Amino acid sequence: MVNFTFRIPEDLYAQLKALATADDRSVNAELLYLVRRALADGEPRSAQGA
C-alpha cells in the first residue's frame, strides 16, 4: 500500500466525512470506495469536463 498526502478544503472534507459516516466507513475507506467507483465507471475525463 502507498501512503501519500492529499490536501482538500475543509468544507469538502466535511462532506466526505459525512458520507463516510453515513456509509459506516472511515474517511480513508470512503475515498478508496469513491476512487474505485470512478475508475470502474470508465467514463472518459473529457466527458466530465476535466
PDB file of N, CA and C in Angstrom:
ATOM      1  N   MET A   1       0.858  -1.178   0.000  1.00  0.00           N
ATOM      2  CA  MET A   1       0.000   0.000   0.000  1.00  0.00           C
ATOM      3  C   MET A   1       0.904   1.241   0.000  1.00  0.00           C
ATOM      4  N   VAL A   2       0.470   2.257  -0.719  1.00  0.00           N
ATOM      5  CA  VAL A   2       1.211   3.505  -0.822  1.00  0.00           C
ATOM      6  C   VAL A   2       0.555   4.554   0.069  1.00  0.00           C
ATOM      7  N   ASN A   3       1.373   5.303   0.784  1.00  0.00           N
ATOM      8  CA  ASN A   3       0.890   6.430   1.583  1.00  0.00           C
ATOM      9  C   ASN A   3       1.256   7.727   0.877  1.00  0.00           C
ATOM     10  N   PHE A   4       0.318   8.669   0.846  1.00  0.00           N
ATOM     11  CA  PHE A   4       0.617   9.987   0.310  1.00  0.00           C
ATOM     12  C   PHE A   4      -0.289  11.021   0.959  1.00  0.00           C
ATOM     13  N   THR A   5       0.124  12.263   0.869  1.00  0.00           N
ATOM     14  CA  THR A   5      -0.642  13.357   1.442  1.00  0.00           C
ATOM     15  C   THR A   5      -1.622  13.875   0.405  1.00  0.00           C
ATOM     16  N   PHE A   6      -2.852  14.062   0.851  1.00  0.00           N
ATOM     17  CA  PHE A   6      -3.910  14.557  -0.032  1.00  0.00           C
ATOM     18  C   PHE A   6      -4.563  15.736   0.663  1.00  0.00           C
ATOM     19  N   ARG A   7      -4.387  16.928   0.121  1.00  0.00           N
ATOM     20  CA  ARG A   7      -4.936  18.131   0.742  1.00  0.00           C
ATOM     21  C   ARG A   7      -6.226  18.528   0.065  1.00  0.00           C
ATOM     22  N   ILE A   8      -7.259  18.759   0.870  1.00  0.00           N
ATOM     23  CA  ILE A   8      -8.544  19.201   0.352  1.00  0.00           C
ATOM     24  C   ILE A   8      -9.082  20.305   1.248  1.00  0.00           C
ATOM     25  N   PRO A   9      -9.926  21.159   0.722  1.00  0.00           N
ATOM     26  CA  PRO A   9     -10.526  22.221   1.538  1.00  0.00           C
ATOM     27  C   PRO A   9     -11.356  21.623   2.680  1.00  0.00           C
ATOM     28  N   GLU A  10     -11.460  22.370   3.752  1.00  0.00           N
ATOM     29  CA  GLU A  10     -12.176  21.897   4.935  1.00  0.00           C
ATOM     30  C   GLU A  10     -13.633  21.570   4.646  1.00  0.00           C
ATOM     31  N   ASP A  11     -14.286  22.379   3.807  1.00  0.00           N
ATOM     32  CA  ASP A  11     -15.694  22.114   3.517  1.00  0.00           C
ATOM     33  C   ASP A  11     -15.882  20.810   2.745  1.00  0.00           C
ATOM     34  N   LEU A  12     -14.959  20.508   1.849  1.00  0.00           N
ATOM     35  CA  LEU A  12     -15.021  19.254   1.108  1.00  0.00           C
ATOM     36  C   LEU A  12     -14.744  18.070   2.031  1.00  0.00           C
ATOM     37  N   TYR A  13     -13.810  18.245   2.953  1.00  0.00           N
ATOM     38  CA  TYR A  13     -13.522  17.199   3.936  1.00  0.00           C
ATOM     39  C   TYR A  13     -14.759  16.925   4.798  1.00  0.00           C
ATOM     40  N   ALA A  14     -15.458  17.960   5.183  1.00  0.00           N
ATOM     41  CA  ALA A  14     -16.662  17.786   5.998  1.00  0.00           C
ATOM     42  C   ALA A  14     -17.706  16.974   5.234  1.00  0.00           C
ATOM     43  N   GLN A  15     -17.860  17.246   3.942  1.00  0.00           N
ATOM     44  CA  GLN A  15     -18.797  16.473   3.123  1.00  0.00           C
ATOM     45  C   GLN A  15     -18.355  15.019   3.013  1.00  0.00           C
ATOM     46  N   LEU A  16     -17.074  14.817   2.805  1.00  0.00           N
ATOM     47  CA  LEU A  16     -16.512  13.473   2.702  1.00  0.00           C
ATOM     48  C   LEU A  16     -16.713  12.699   4.002  1.00  0.00           C
ATOM     49  N   LYS A  17     -16.458  13.363   5.109  1.00  0.00           N
ATOM     50  CA  LYS A  17     -16.618  12.725   6.414  1.00  0.00           C
ATOM     51  C   LYS A  17     -18.083  12.356   6.662  1.00  0.00           C
ATOM     52  N   ALA A  18     -18.998  13.214   6.251  1.00  0.00           N
ATOM     53  CA  ALA A  18     -20.427  12.926   6.407  1.00  0.00           C
ATOM     54  C   ALA A  18     -20.822  11.708   5.568  1.00  0.00           C
ATOM     55  N   LEU A  19     -20.324  11.632   4.337  1.00  0.00           N
ATOM     56  CA  LEU A  19     -20.589  10.460   3.506  1.00  0.00           C
ATOM     57  C   LEU A  19     -20.042   9.198   4.145  1.00  0.00           C
ATOM     58  N   ALA A  20     -18.824   9.279   4.627  1.00  0.00           N
ATOM     59  CA  ALA A  20     -18.189   8.117   5.265  1.00  0.00           C
ATOM     60  C   ALA A  20     -18.989   7.664   6.478  1.00  0.00           C
ATOM     61  N   THR A  21     -19.413   8.603   7.288  1.00  0.00           N
ATOM     62  CA  THR A  21     -20.199   8.273   8.477  1.00  0.00           C
ATOM     63  C   THR A  21     -21.516   7.617   8.085  1.00  0.00           C
ATOM     64  N   ALA A  22     -22.175   8.153   7.084  1.00  0.00           N
ATOM     65  CA  ALA A  22     -23.449   7.603   6.630  1.00  0.00           C
ATOM     66  C   ALA A  22     -23.285   6.183   6.090  1.00  0.00           C
ATOM     67  N   ASP A  23     -22.131   5.901   5.506  1.00  0.00           N
ATOM     68  CA  ASP A  23     -21.857   4.574   4.944  1.00  0.00           C
ATOM     69  C   ASP A  23     -21.125   3.668   5.925  1.00  0.00           C
ATOM     70  N   ASP A  24     -20.968   4.138   7.167  1.00  0.00           N
ATOM     71  CA  ASP A  24     -20.271   3.380   8.223  1.00  0.00           C
ATOM     72  C   ASP A  24     -18.863   2.975   7.787  1.00  0.00           C
ATOM     73  N   ARG A  25     -18.151   3.950   7.197  1.00  0.00           N
ATOM     74  CA  ARG A  25     -16.777   3.746   6.759  1.00  0.00           C
ATOM     75  C   ARG A  25     -15.890   4.846   7.316  1.00  0.00           C
ATOM     76  N   SER A  26     -14.597   4.584   7.350  1.00  0.00           N
ATOM     77  CA  SER A  26     -13.640   5.631   7.679  1.00  0.00           C
ATOM     78  C   SER A  26     -13.522   6.561   6.470  1.00  0.00           C
ATOM     79  N   VAL A  27     -12.937   7.724   6.682  1.00  0.00           N
ATOM     80  CA  VAL A  27     -12.722   8.655   5.566  1.00  0.00           C
ATOM     81  C   VAL A  27     -11.814   7.994   4.529  1.00  0.00           C
ATOM     82  N   ASN A  28     -10.786   7.296   4.976  1.00  0.00           N
ATOM     83  CA  ASN A  28      -9.890   6.610   4.053  1.00  0.00           C
ATOM     84  C   ASN A  28     -10.644   5.563   3.223  1.00  0.00           C
ATOM     85  N   ALA A  29     -11.459   4.756   3.876  1.00  0.00           N
ATOM     86  CA  ALA A  29     -12.230   3.732   3.161  1.00  0.00           C
ATOM     87  C   ALA A  29     -13.215   4.374   2.189  1.00  0.00           C
ATOM     88  N   GLU A  30     -13.788   5.495   2.573  1.00  0.00           N
ATOM     89  CA  GLU A  30     -14.714   6.198   1.677  1.00  0.00           C
ATOM     90  C   GLU A  30     -13.981   6.716   0.443  1.00  0.00           C
ATOM     91  N   LEU A  31     -12.797   7.276   0.635  1.00  0.00           N
ATOM     92  CA  LEU A  31     -12.007   7.735  -0.512  1.00  0.00           C
ATOM     93  C   LEU A  31     -11.669   6.579  -1.441  1.00  0.00           C
ATOM     94  N   LEU A  32     -11.268   5.443  -0.890  1.00  0.00           N
ATOM     95  CA  LEU A  32     -10.962   4.272  -1.709  1.00  0.00           C
ATOM     96  C   LEU A  32     -12.197   3.825  -2.490  1.00  0.00           C
ATOM     97  N   TYR A  33     -13.332   3.803  -1.826  1.00  0.00           N
ATOM     98  CA  TYR A  33     -14.581   3.420  -2.485  1.00  0.00           C
ATOM     99  C   TYR A  33     -14.883   4.369  -3.650  1.00  0.00           C
ATOM    100  N   LEU A  34     -14.784   5.674  -3.411  1.00  0.00           N
ATOM    101  CA  LEU A  34     -15.112   6.656  -4.442  1.00  0.00           C
ATOM    102  C   LEU A  34     -14.142   6.595  -5.619  1.00  0.00           C
ATOM    103  N   VAL A  35     -12.870   6.411  -5.345  1.00  0.00           N
ATOM    104  CA  VAL A  35     -11.876   6.317  -6.422  1.00  0.00           C
ATOM    105  C   VAL A  35     -12.101   5.050  -7.233  1.00  0.00           C
ATOM    106  N   ARG A  36     -12.316   3.935  -6.541  1.00  0.00           N
ATOM    107  CA  ARG A  36     -12.572   2.680  -7.260  1.00  0.00           C
ATOM    108  C   ARG A  36     -13.823   2.790  -8.128  1.00  0.00           C
ATOM    109  N   ARG A  37     -14.874   3.397  -7.592  1.00  0.00           N
ATOM    110  CA  ARG A  37     -16.119   3.555  -8.346  1.00  0.00           C
ATOM    111  C   ARG A  37     -15.892   4.431  -9.578  1.00  0.00           C
ATOM    112  N   ALA A  38     -15.155   5.518  -9.404  1.00  0.00           N
ATOM    113  CA  ALA A  38     -14.872   6.417 -10.532  1.00  0.00           C
ATOM    114  C   ALA A  38     -14.063   5.704 -11.607  1.00  0.00           C
ATOM    115  N   LEU A  39     -13.081   4.922 -11.209  1.00  0.00           N
ATOM    116  CA  LEU A  39     -12.265   4.204 -12.184  1.00  0.00           C
ATOM    117  C   LEU A  39     -13.051   3.091 -12.864  1.00  0.00           C
ATOM    118  N   ALA A  40     -13.934   2.445 -12.147  1.00  0.00           N
ATOM    119  CA  ALA A  40     -14.737   1.362 -12.716  1.00  0.00           C
ATOM    120  C   ALA A  40     -15.759   1.884 -13.717  1.00  0.00           C
ATOM    121  N   ASP A  41     -16.215   3.118 -13.517  1.00  0.00           N
ATOM    122  CA  ASP A  41     -17.177   3.700 -14.438  1.00  0.00           C
ATOM    123  C   ASP A  41     -16.600   3.809 -15.838  1.00  0.00           C
ATOM    124  N   GLY A  42     -15.290   4.035 -15.925  1.00  0.00           N
ATOM    125  CA  GLY A  42     -14.623   4.088 -17.200  1.00  0.00           C
ATOM    126  C   GLY A  42     -15.015   5.251 -18.077  1.00  0.00           C
ATOM    127  N   GLU A  43     -15.643   6.250 -17.500  1.00  0.00           N
ATOM    128  CA  GLU A  43     -16.064   7.412 -18.279  1.00  0.00           C
ATOM    129  C   GLU A  43     -14.844   8.270 -18.618  1.00  0.00           C
ATOM    130  N   PRO A  44     -14.709   8.642 -19.874  1.00  0.00           N
ATOM    131  CA  PRO A  44     -13.559   9.489 -20.247  1.00  0.00           C
ATOM    132  C   PRO A  44     -13.562  10.808 -19.474  1.00  0.00           C
ATOM    133  N   ARG A  45     -12.394  11.275 -19.116  1.00  0.00           N
ATOM    134  CA  ARG A  45     -12.272  12.523 -18.369  1.00  0.00           C
ATOM    135  C   ARG A  45     -12.867  13.693 -19.119  1.00  0.00           C
ATOM    136  N   SER A  46     -12.732  13.711 -20.427  1.00  0.00           N
ATOM    137  CA  SER A  46     -13.255  14.847 -21.198  1.00  0.00           C
ATOM    138  C   SER A  46     -14.768  14.932 -21.094  1.00  0.00           C
ATOM    139  N   ALA A  47     -15.439  13.817 -20.867  1.00  0.00           N
ATOM    140  CA  ALA A  47     -16.884  13.828 -20.725  1.00  0.00           C
ATOM    141  C   ALA A  47     -17.323  14.415 -19.385  1.00  0.00           C
ATOM    142  N   GLN A  48     -16.383  14.461 -18.437  1.00  0.00           N
ATOM    143  CA  GLN A  48     -16.679  15.009 -17.123  1.00  0.00           C
ATOM    144  C   GLN A  48     -16.271  16.468 -17.023  1.00  0.00           C
ATOM    145  N   GLY A  49     -15.721  17.010 -18.073  1.00  0.00           N
ATOM    146  CA  GLY A  49     -15.299  18.401 -18.059  1.00  0.00           C
ATOM    147  C   GLY A  49     -13.957  18.621 -17.392  1.00  0.00           C
ATOM    148  N   ALA A  50     -13.181  17.561 -17.201  1.00  0.00           N
ATOM    149  CA  ALA A  50     -11.872  17.685 -16.548  1.00  0.00           C
ATOM    150  C   ALA A  50     -10.781  17.954 -17.555  1.00  0.00           C
TER     151      ALA A  50
END
